[in-house]
Each structure stands twice: as C-alpha cells, then as structure tokens.
Amino acid sequence: MPQWDDANLWAPDWISGEITQGGYSKHIVVREEFVLRVPGALDLERTAPTLCAGITAYSPLCKWHVKEGSRVGVIVLGGLGHMAVKLAVAMGADVTVISRSKNKEQDAKEIGANGILASTDVDAMEKACSSFDLILYTVPVKHDVDIYTPLLDIDRRI
C-alpha cells in the first residue's frame, strides 16, 4: 500500500521502501535501466515526441522481424509515419508509403521510401496486391482498413 511522507510525496514502499523525489514521482517510478538521459543540448519539446514516435514505430518493426529485403508499407506520411519510414529503411526494408494521393512522394523519397502508393488509384492498388510483408497503420483516426488487407502477402501482418 502506498504511503505518504511529510512532503506529501508518494513513497513506493512496494519497490524499495525509499521515498521518491521529483515532479513525476507521484505518478511514475521506474528502474534506472529503463530510463535514458537526454543530452542538455537537445530541445525537450522536440525530443520527447521523437522518442514516443520512435518506440511506437520501432516496436512493431522488431516484433515482426523486419530486416533487409522486408517489404513494408507505411500508411500515411506524418509524424509517426515519417519515423516508421526512417526506421524501416534503416533496418534494410523496401518501404512504400501508402497515402490517398502522391502529393508527398518527394518527401517520402527524401527519407528513404521507394515511393508512394495512392490508395485512391484503383489500378495501382490492384497491381500492388500481395506486395507487402508488413503494413504499419499510422493514421491517428479510425477508418476502414479493408482496402489495405489485399496488399499483404500470405501470412503477413497489418
């Protein structure tokens, strides 16, 4: 059961019995091997979202064993999609961004993607059937994913 010290800080006695100090000590307590130090020269307002998007994109790439030659589709080029493309490319994957239009194709290529597959182009979508091992869905709103499933090869993941 948590206890309160004189300064009204939560003491996680179920971990070590020591009093914790700091701004988030009432809410988050972690072991030091799960914490990283952000160099003082980095802007925290930019670093934190990068770390968040980085682990969000990196985790499924690792889980599904993306490696050299993997065929990865990334649905939408944005903050999370941008990070997913860069990480998948760094792992050696052949990456294609899937978007409603080809408006951001140059941006996608600049960060290493092979190009963009326009989901509104029915012929291109049909030609791309079974062409991905993994599709990362980075859209921040709920919408129908049924149009993307034919793009996956047998026994692949969305």
N, C-alpha and C. Protein backbone atom coordinates (compact mmCIF):
# COMPACT_ATOMS: atom_id res chain seq x y z
N MET A 1 0.85 -1.19 0.00
CA MET A 1 0.00 0.00 0.00
C MET A 1 0.89 1.24 0.00
N PRO A 2 0.63 2.22 -0.89
CA PRO A 2 1.45 3.44 -0.91
C PRO A 2 1.37 4.19 0.41
N GLN A 3 2.45 4.86 0.75
CA GLN A 3 2.49 5.69 1.94
C GLN A 3 2.81 7.13 1.52
N TRP A 4 2.51 8.08 2.39
CA TRP A 4 2.81 9.48 2.12
C TRP A 4 3.85 9.97 3.11
N ASP A 5 4.84 10.70 2.64
CA ASP A 5 5.84 11.25 3.55
C ASP A 5 5.42 12.66 3.96
N ASP A 6 6.27 13.35 4.73
CA ASP A 6 5.93 14.68 5.22
C ASP A 6 5.74 15.69 4.10
N ALA A 7 6.44 15.52 2.99
CA ALA A 7 6.33 16.47 1.88
C ALA A 7 5.17 16.09 0.95
N ASN A 8 4.37 15.10 1.35
CA ASN A 8 3.22 14.66 0.57
C ASN A 8 3.64 14.02 -0.76
N LEU A 9 4.81 13.39 -0.77
CA LEU A 9 5.26 12.67 -1.96
C LEU A 9 5.00 11.19 -1.76
N TRP A 10 4.57 10.55 -2.80
CA TRP A 10 4.26 9.13 -2.72
C TRP A 10 5.53 8.32 -2.54
N ALA A 11 5.52 7.43 -1.59
CA ALA A 11 6.67 6.56 -1.34
C ALA A 11 6.30 5.14 -1.78
N PRO A 12 6.90 4.65 -2.85
CA PRO A 12 6.53 3.31 -3.33
C PRO A 12 7.19 2.23 -2.49
N ASP A 13 6.65 2.00 -1.29
CA ASP A 13 7.27 1.03 -0.38
C ASP A 13 7.25 -0.37 -0.97
N TRP A 14 6.42 -0.63 -1.95
CA TRP A 14 6.36 -1.95 -2.57
C TRP A 14 7.54 -2.19 -3.51
N ILE A 15 8.34 -1.15 -3.81
CA ILE A 15 9.53 -1.32 -4.63
C ILE A 15 10.76 -1.46 -3.73
N SER A 16 11.07 -0.41 -2.99
CA SER A 16 12.28 -0.47 -2.17
C SER A 16 12.09 0.12 -0.78
N GLY A 17 10.98 0.76 -0.55
CA GLY A 17 10.76 1.39 0.73
C GLY A 17 11.33 2.79 0.81
N GLU A 18 12.03 3.23 -0.24
CA GLU A 18 12.63 4.56 -0.25
C GLU A 18 11.61 5.61 -0.69
N ILE A 19 11.81 6.83 -0.21
CA ILE A 19 10.99 7.96 -0.63
C ILE A 19 11.49 8.43 -2.00
N THR A 20 10.58 8.70 -2.93
CA THR A 20 10.99 9.20 -4.24
C THR A 20 10.85 10.71 -4.26
N GLN A 21 11.63 11.34 -5.09
CA GLN A 21 11.60 12.80 -5.22
C GLN A 21 11.46 13.15 -6.70
N GLY A 22 10.84 14.25 -6.99
CA GLY A 22 10.76 14.69 -8.38
C GLY A 22 9.33 14.94 -8.81
N GLY A 23 9.22 15.64 -9.94
CA GLY A 23 7.93 16.08 -10.44
C GLY A 23 6.95 14.96 -10.75
N TYR A 24 7.43 13.85 -11.28
CA TYR A 24 6.53 12.76 -11.63
C TYR A 24 6.55 11.63 -10.60
N SER A 25 7.22 11.82 -9.49
CA SER A 25 7.37 10.72 -8.55
C SER A 25 6.03 10.26 -7.96
N LYS A 26 5.01 11.08 -8.04
CA LYS A 26 3.70 10.66 -7.57
C LYS A 26 3.03 9.72 -8.57
N HIS A 27 3.49 9.74 -9.82
CA HIS A 27 2.80 9.02 -10.88
C HIS A 27 3.63 7.91 -11.54
N ILE A 28 4.92 8.13 -11.67
CA ILE A 28 5.77 7.20 -12.41
C ILE A 28 7.03 6.90 -11.62
N VAL A 29 7.27 5.62 -11.40
CA VAL A 29 8.50 5.20 -10.77
C VAL A 29 9.05 4.06 -11.61
N VAL A 30 10.29 4.20 -12.09
CA VAL A 30 10.90 3.16 -12.91
C VAL A 30 12.31 2.87 -12.43
N ARG A 31 12.79 1.70 -12.80
CA ARG A 31 14.18 1.36 -12.50
C ARG A 31 15.08 2.12 -13.48
N GLU A 32 16.27 2.46 -13.03
CA GLU A 32 17.16 3.32 -13.82
C GLU A 32 17.56 2.70 -15.15
N GLU A 33 17.57 1.37 -15.28
CA GLU A 33 17.95 0.78 -16.57
C GLU A 33 16.90 0.99 -17.65
N PHE A 34 15.72 1.50 -17.27
CA PHE A 34 14.67 1.79 -18.24
C PHE A 34 14.54 3.29 -18.52
N VAL A 35 15.50 4.05 -18.07
CA VAL A 35 15.48 5.50 -18.24
C VAL A 35 16.68 5.90 -19.07
N LEU A 36 16.52 6.89 -19.92
CA LEU A 36 17.66 7.38 -20.67
C LEU A 36 17.87 8.85 -20.36
N ARG A 37 19.09 9.27 -20.53
CA ARG A 37 19.45 10.66 -20.27
C ARG A 37 19.38 11.42 -21.60
N VAL A 38 18.64 12.50 -21.60
CA VAL A 38 18.56 13.35 -22.78
C VAL A 38 19.64 14.42 -22.64
N PRO A 39 20.55 14.48 -23.60
CA PRO A 39 21.61 15.50 -23.51
C PRO A 39 21.02 16.90 -23.38
N GLY A 40 21.66 17.71 -22.57
CA GLY A 40 21.18 19.06 -22.31
C GLY A 40 21.06 19.94 -23.55
N ALA A 41 21.83 19.64 -24.58
CA ALA A 41 21.79 20.45 -25.81
C ALA A 41 20.54 20.19 -26.64
N LEU A 42 19.80 19.12 -26.34
CA LEU A 42 18.60 18.81 -27.11
C LEU A 42 17.39 19.54 -26.55
N ASP A 43 16.53 19.98 -27.44
CA ASP A 43 15.29 20.65 -27.07
C ASP A 43 14.29 19.58 -26.63
N LEU A 44 13.89 19.60 -25.36
CA LEU A 44 12.98 18.58 -24.84
C LEU A 44 11.63 18.59 -25.54
N GLU A 45 11.18 19.75 -26.00
CA GLU A 45 9.90 19.81 -26.71
C GLU A 45 9.94 19.03 -28.02
N ARG A 46 11.11 18.87 -28.58
CA ARG A 46 11.25 18.09 -29.82
C ARG A 46 11.71 16.67 -29.55
N THR A 47 12.45 16.47 -28.49
CA THR A 47 13.00 15.15 -28.18
C THR A 47 11.92 14.19 -27.72
N ALA A 48 11.06 14.61 -26.83
CA ALA A 48 10.04 13.72 -26.28
C ALA A 48 9.13 13.14 -27.36
N PRO A 49 8.58 13.94 -28.26
CA PRO A 49 7.75 13.34 -29.32
C PRO A 49 8.53 12.39 -30.22
N THR A 50 9.79 12.69 -30.46
CA THR A 50 10.61 11.81 -31.29
C THR A 50 10.79 10.47 -30.60
N LEU A 51 11.03 10.49 -29.30
CA LEU A 51 11.17 9.24 -28.55
C LEU A 51 9.87 8.46 -28.57
N CYS A 52 8.77 9.15 -28.40
CA CYS A 52 7.46 8.50 -28.39
C CYS A 52 7.17 7.87 -29.75
N ALA A 53 7.29 8.65 -30.81
CA ALA A 53 7.05 8.12 -32.16
C ALA A 53 8.06 7.04 -32.51
N GLY A 54 9.28 7.23 -32.05
CA GLY A 54 10.33 6.25 -32.33
C GLY A 54 10.00 4.88 -31.78
N ILE A 55 9.62 4.79 -30.51
CA ILE A 55 9.34 3.47 -29.92
C ILE A 55 8.04 2.92 -30.46
N THR A 56 7.07 3.79 -30.77
CA THR A 56 5.81 3.33 -31.32
C THR A 56 6.00 2.68 -32.68
N ALA A 57 6.88 3.23 -33.49
CA ALA A 57 7.16 2.66 -34.81
C ALA A 57 8.15 1.50 -34.72
N TYR A 58 9.14 1.62 -33.87
CA TYR A 58 10.20 0.62 -33.77
C TYR A 58 9.69 -0.72 -33.24
N SER A 59 8.81 -0.66 -32.27
CA SER A 59 8.32 -1.87 -31.62
C SER A 59 7.69 -2.87 -32.60
N PRO A 60 6.73 -2.48 -33.45
CA PRO A 60 6.18 -3.48 -34.38
C PRO A 60 7.19 -3.93 -35.44
N LEU A 61 8.10 -3.05 -35.83
CA LEU A 61 9.12 -3.44 -36.80
C LEU A 61 9.98 -4.57 -36.23
N CYS A 62 10.30 -4.46 -34.95
CA CYS A 62 11.08 -5.53 -34.30
C CYS A 62 10.23 -6.77 -34.08
N LYS A 63 9.01 -6.59 -33.61
CA LYS A 63 8.13 -7.73 -33.33
C LYS A 63 7.94 -8.60 -34.56
N TRP A 64 7.82 -7.98 -35.73
CA TRP A 64 7.56 -8.73 -36.96
C TRP A 64 8.85 -8.97 -37.75
N HIS A 65 10.00 -8.79 -37.09
CA HIS A 65 11.31 -9.16 -37.64
C HIS A 65 11.63 -8.51 -38.99
N VAL A 66 11.40 -7.22 -39.08
CA VAL A 66 11.74 -6.50 -40.31
C VAL A 66 13.26 -6.50 -40.46
N LYS A 67 13.70 -6.82 -41.66
CA LYS A 67 15.14 -6.91 -41.93
C LYS A 67 15.36 -6.56 -43.40
N GLU A 68 16.60 -6.71 -43.83
CA GLU A 68 16.94 -6.42 -45.21
C GLU A 68 16.05 -7.25 -46.13
N GLY A 69 15.42 -6.58 -47.08
CA GLY A 69 14.55 -7.25 -48.04
C GLY A 69 13.09 -7.31 -47.64
N SER A 70 12.76 -6.99 -46.37
CA SER A 70 11.35 -6.96 -45.97
C SER A 70 10.64 -5.88 -46.77
N ARG A 71 9.39 -6.16 -47.10
CA ARG A 71 8.59 -5.21 -47.87
C ARG A 71 7.58 -4.57 -46.92
N VAL A 72 7.79 -3.30 -46.61
CA VAL A 72 6.99 -2.63 -45.60
C VAL A 72 6.19 -1.49 -46.23
N GLY A 73 4.91 -1.47 -45.92
CA GLY A 73 4.04 -0.35 -46.29
C GLY A 73 3.78 0.48 -45.06
N VAL A 74 3.82 1.79 -45.21
CA VAL A 74 3.52 2.69 -44.09
C VAL A 74 2.34 3.55 -44.53
N ILE A 75 1.23 3.38 -43.83
CA ILE A 75 0.04 4.14 -44.18
C ILE A 75 0.12 5.51 -43.54
N VAL A 76 0.27 6.50 -44.38
CA VAL A 76 0.30 7.93 -44.09
C VAL A 76 1.70 8.41 -43.67
N LEU A 77 2.15 9.42 -44.35
CA LEU A 77 3.42 10.06 -44.04
C LEU A 77 3.13 11.28 -43.18
N GLY A 78 3.39 11.14 -41.90
CA GLY A 78 3.20 12.22 -40.94
C GLY A 78 4.24 12.03 -39.86
N GLY A 79 4.00 12.51 -38.66
CA GLY A 79 4.97 12.36 -37.59
C GLY A 79 5.36 10.92 -37.33
N LEU A 80 4.39 10.08 -37.02
CA LEU A 80 4.65 8.67 -36.74
C LEU A 80 5.04 7.93 -38.02
N GLY A 81 4.36 8.23 -39.12
CA GLY A 81 4.69 7.59 -40.39
C GLY A 81 6.09 7.94 -40.85
N HIS A 82 6.47 9.18 -40.65
CA HIS A 82 7.82 9.64 -41.00
C HIS A 82 8.86 8.81 -40.25
N MET A 83 8.64 8.64 -38.95
CA MET A 83 9.58 7.86 -38.13
C MET A 83 9.57 6.40 -38.56
N ALA A 84 8.40 5.85 -38.87
CA ALA A 84 8.30 4.45 -39.30
C ALA A 84 9.08 4.22 -40.59
N VAL A 85 8.97 5.15 -41.53
CA VAL A 85 9.72 5.02 -42.79
C VAL A 85 11.21 5.02 -42.51
N LYS A 86 11.67 5.99 -41.74
CA LYS A 86 13.11 6.10 -41.48
C LYS A 86 13.65 4.85 -40.77
N LEU A 87 12.92 4.34 -39.79
CA LEU A 87 13.38 3.16 -39.06
C LEU A 87 13.37 1.92 -39.95
N ALA A 88 12.30 1.72 -40.71
CA ALA A 88 12.22 0.54 -41.58
C ALA A 88 13.32 0.58 -42.64
N VAL A 89 13.59 1.74 -43.20
CA VAL A 89 14.67 1.88 -44.18
C VAL A 89 16.00 1.55 -43.52
N ALA A 90 16.22 2.04 -42.30
CA ALA A 90 17.46 1.77 -41.58
C ALA A 90 17.64 0.28 -41.29
N MET A 91 16.53 -0.46 -41.19
CA MET A 91 16.59 -1.90 -40.96
C MET A 91 16.80 -2.68 -42.26
N GLY A 92 16.83 -1.97 -43.38
CA GLY A 92 17.07 -2.60 -44.67
C GLY A 92 15.82 -2.93 -45.47
N ALA A 93 14.66 -2.51 -45.00
CA ALA A 93 13.41 -2.83 -45.68
C ALA A 93 13.22 -1.98 -46.93
N ASP A 94 12.45 -2.52 -47.86
CA ASP A 94 11.98 -1.77 -49.01
C ASP A 94 10.65 -1.15 -48.57
N VAL A 95 10.59 0.17 -48.49
CA VAL A 95 9.45 0.86 -47.88
C VAL A 95 8.67 1.65 -48.92
N THR A 96 7.35 1.50 -48.84
CA THR A 96 6.44 2.28 -49.67
C THR A 96 5.45 2.97 -48.75
N VAL A 97 5.24 4.25 -48.96
CA VAL A 97 4.22 4.99 -48.21
C VAL A 97 2.89 4.79 -48.93
N ILE A 98 1.85 4.56 -48.17
CA ILE A 98 0.51 4.41 -48.73
C ILE A 98 -0.30 5.61 -48.27
N SER A 99 -0.78 6.38 -49.24
CA SER A 99 -1.49 7.61 -48.93
C SER A 99 -2.62 7.80 -49.95
N ARG A 100 -3.51 8.75 -49.69
CA ARG A 100 -4.61 8.98 -50.63
C ARG A 100 -4.13 9.56 -51.95
N SER A 101 -3.03 10.29 -51.92
CA SER A 101 -2.51 10.88 -53.15
C SER A 101 -0.99 10.75 -53.15
N LYS A 102 -0.39 11.18 -54.24
CA LYS A 102 1.07 11.14 -54.35
C LYS A 102 1.70 12.50 -54.04
N ASN A 103 0.95 13.38 -53.38
CA ASN A 103 1.43 14.73 -53.10
C ASN A 103 2.74 14.77 -52.32
N LYS A 104 2.96 13.81 -51.45
CA LYS A 104 4.16 13.82 -50.61
C LYS A 104 5.22 12.82 -51.10
N GLU A 105 5.16 12.44 -52.37
CA GLU A 105 6.09 11.43 -52.86
C GLU A 105 7.54 11.88 -52.75
N GLN A 106 7.82 13.13 -53.08
CA GLN A 106 9.19 13.63 -52.98
C GLN A 106 9.68 13.58 -51.53
N ASP A 107 8.82 13.98 -50.59
CA ASP A 107 9.18 13.91 -49.17
C ASP A 107 9.47 12.48 -48.75
N ALA A 108 8.64 11.54 -49.21
CA ALA A 108 8.82 10.13 -48.87
C ALA A 108 10.16 9.61 -49.39
N LYS A 109 10.49 9.97 -50.62
CA LYS A 109 11.75 9.52 -51.21
C LYS A 109 12.96 10.13 -50.51
N GLU A 110 12.82 11.38 -50.08
CA GLU A 110 13.93 12.05 -49.39
C GLU A 110 14.31 11.36 -48.08
N ILE A 111 13.35 10.67 -47.44
CA ILE A 111 13.66 9.98 -46.18
C ILE A 111 13.87 8.49 -46.39
N GLY A 112 13.93 8.06 -47.66
CA GLY A 112 14.32 6.69 -47.96
C GLY A 112 13.27 5.76 -48.52
N ALA A 113 12.01 6.19 -48.58
CA ALA A 113 10.97 5.34 -49.15
C ALA A 113 11.17 5.18 -50.65
N ASN A 114 10.69 4.08 -51.19
CA ASN A 114 10.77 3.86 -52.64
C ASN A 114 9.81 4.76 -53.40
N GLY A 115 8.73 5.14 -52.75
CA GLY A 115 7.72 5.98 -53.38
C GLY A 115 6.42 5.90 -52.61
N ILE A 116 5.35 6.34 -53.29
CA ILE A 116 4.02 6.34 -52.67
C ILE A 116 3.06 5.53 -53.52
N LEU A 117 2.24 4.75 -52.85
CA LEU A 117 1.12 4.06 -53.48
C LEU A 117 -0.13 4.84 -53.11
N ALA A 118 -0.81 5.36 -54.11
CA ALA A 118 -2.03 6.14 -53.85
C ALA A 118 -3.21 5.19 -53.66
N SER A 119 -3.80 5.23 -52.47
CA SER A 119 -4.91 4.32 -52.17
C SER A 119 -6.17 4.65 -52.96
N THR A 120 -6.23 5.82 -53.56
CA THR A 120 -7.38 6.20 -54.39
C THR A 120 -7.22 5.74 -55.84
N ASP A 121 -6.06 5.24 -56.19
CA ASP A 121 -5.78 4.74 -57.54
C ASP A 121 -6.09 3.24 -57.58
N VAL A 122 -7.29 2.91 -58.06
CA VAL A 122 -7.77 1.53 -58.03
C VAL A 122 -6.84 0.59 -58.79
N ASP A 123 -6.35 1.00 -59.95
CA ASP A 123 -5.46 0.15 -60.73
C ASP A 123 -4.14 -0.11 -59.99
N ALA A 124 -3.57 0.93 -59.42
CA ALA A 124 -2.32 0.78 -58.67
C ALA A 124 -2.51 -0.12 -57.46
N MET A 125 -3.64 0.01 -56.78
CA MET A 125 -3.91 -0.82 -55.61
C MET A 125 -4.05 -2.29 -56.02
N GLU A 126 -4.70 -2.54 -57.16
CA GLU A 126 -4.85 -3.92 -57.64
C GLU A 126 -3.50 -4.51 -58.02
N LYS A 127 -2.65 -3.71 -58.66
CA LYS A 127 -1.32 -4.18 -59.05
C LYS A 127 -0.44 -4.46 -57.83
N ALA A 128 -0.73 -3.78 -56.72
CA ALA A 128 0.09 -3.91 -55.51
C ALA A 128 -0.39 -5.05 -54.59
N CYS A 129 -1.40 -5.80 -55.00
CA CYS A 129 -1.88 -6.92 -54.17
C CYS A 129 -0.73 -7.86 -53.83
N SER A 130 -0.70 -8.31 -52.60
CA SER A 130 0.29 -9.27 -52.07
C SER A 130 1.72 -8.75 -52.15
N SER A 131 1.90 -7.44 -52.10
CA SER A 131 3.26 -6.91 -52.26
C SER A 131 3.94 -6.46 -50.97
N PHE A 132 3.29 -6.63 -49.81
CA PHE A 132 3.89 -6.21 -48.53
C PHE A 132 3.92 -7.36 -47.53
N ASP A 133 5.00 -7.40 -46.76
CA ASP A 133 5.13 -8.35 -45.66
C ASP A 133 4.49 -7.78 -44.39
N LEU A 134 4.54 -6.47 -44.27
CA LEU A 134 4.03 -5.78 -43.08
C LEU A 134 3.50 -4.42 -43.52
N ILE A 135 2.37 -4.04 -42.94
CA ILE A 135 1.84 -2.69 -43.16
C ILE A 135 1.68 -2.04 -41.80
N LEU A 136 2.32 -0.88 -41.63
CA LEU A 136 2.18 -0.10 -40.40
C LEU A 136 1.12 0.96 -40.63
N TYR A 137 0.10 0.91 -39.83
CA TYR A 137 -1.04 1.83 -39.91
C TYR A 137 -0.79 2.96 -38.93
N THR A 138 -0.44 4.14 -39.42
CA THR A 138 -0.09 5.25 -38.53
C THR A 138 -1.13 6.37 -38.56
N VAL A 139 -2.32 6.06 -39.01
CA VAL A 139 -3.39 7.06 -39.09
C VAL A 139 -3.92 7.33 -37.69
N PRO A 140 -4.03 8.60 -37.30
CA PRO A 140 -4.46 8.90 -35.93
C PRO A 140 -5.97 8.86 -35.71
N VAL A 141 -6.73 8.49 -36.73
CA VAL A 141 -8.19 8.39 -36.58
C VAL A 141 -8.65 7.03 -37.09
N LYS A 142 -9.80 6.61 -36.61
CA LYS A 142 -10.34 5.32 -37.01
C LYS A 142 -10.95 5.42 -38.41
N HIS A 143 -10.56 4.49 -39.27
CA HIS A 143 -11.25 4.36 -40.56
C HIS A 143 -11.07 2.95 -41.09
N ASP A 144 -11.78 2.62 -42.12
CA ASP A 144 -11.81 1.27 -42.67
C ASP A 144 -10.45 0.86 -43.23
N VAL A 145 -9.93 -0.27 -42.76
CA VAL A 145 -8.64 -0.76 -43.23
C VAL A 145 -8.79 -1.87 -44.27
N ASP A 146 -10.02 -2.21 -44.61
CA ASP A 146 -10.25 -3.31 -45.54
C ASP A 146 -9.58 -3.13 -46.90
N ILE A 147 -9.42 -1.89 -47.34
CA ILE A 147 -8.80 -1.68 -48.66
C ILE A 147 -7.32 -2.04 -48.65
N TYR A 148 -6.71 -2.11 -47.47
CA TYR A 148 -5.28 -2.38 -47.37
C TYR A 148 -4.95 -3.87 -47.24
N THR A 149 -5.86 -4.67 -46.72
CA THR A 149 -5.54 -6.07 -46.47
C THR A 149 -5.14 -6.86 -47.72
N PRO A 150 -5.71 -6.58 -48.91
CA PRO A 150 -5.24 -7.31 -50.09
C PRO A 150 -3.78 -7.01 -50.45
N LEU A 151 -3.23 -5.95 -49.90
CA LEU A 151 -1.84 -5.58 -50.20
C LEU A 151 -0.85 -6.51 -49.49
N LEU A 152 -1.31 -7.21 -48.47
CA LEU A 152 -0.44 -8.09 -47.70
C LEU A 152 -0.23 -9.42 -48.41
N ASP A 153 0.99 -9.91 -48.34
CA ASP A 153 1.30 -11.22 -48.88
C ASP A 153 0.75 -12.26 -47.90
N ILE A 154 0.76 -13.51 -48.27
CA ILE A 154 0.23 -14.58 -47.43
C ILE A 154 0.98 -14.61 -46.09
N ASP A 155 0.18 -14.73 -45.01
CA ASP A 155 0.71 -14.82 -43.64
C ASP A 155 1.50 -13.58 -43.23
N ARG A 156 1.06 -12.45 -43.63
CA ARG A 156 1.73 -11.19 -43.27
C ARG A 156 0.84 -10.41 -42.32
N ARG A 157 1.29 -9.24 -41.87
CA ARG A 157 0.62 -8.52 -40.78
C ARG A 157 0.31 -7.07 -41.12
N ILE A 158 -0.84 -6.60 -40.62
CA ILE A 158 -1.19 -5.18 -40.73
C ILE A 158 -1.30 -4.62 -39.33
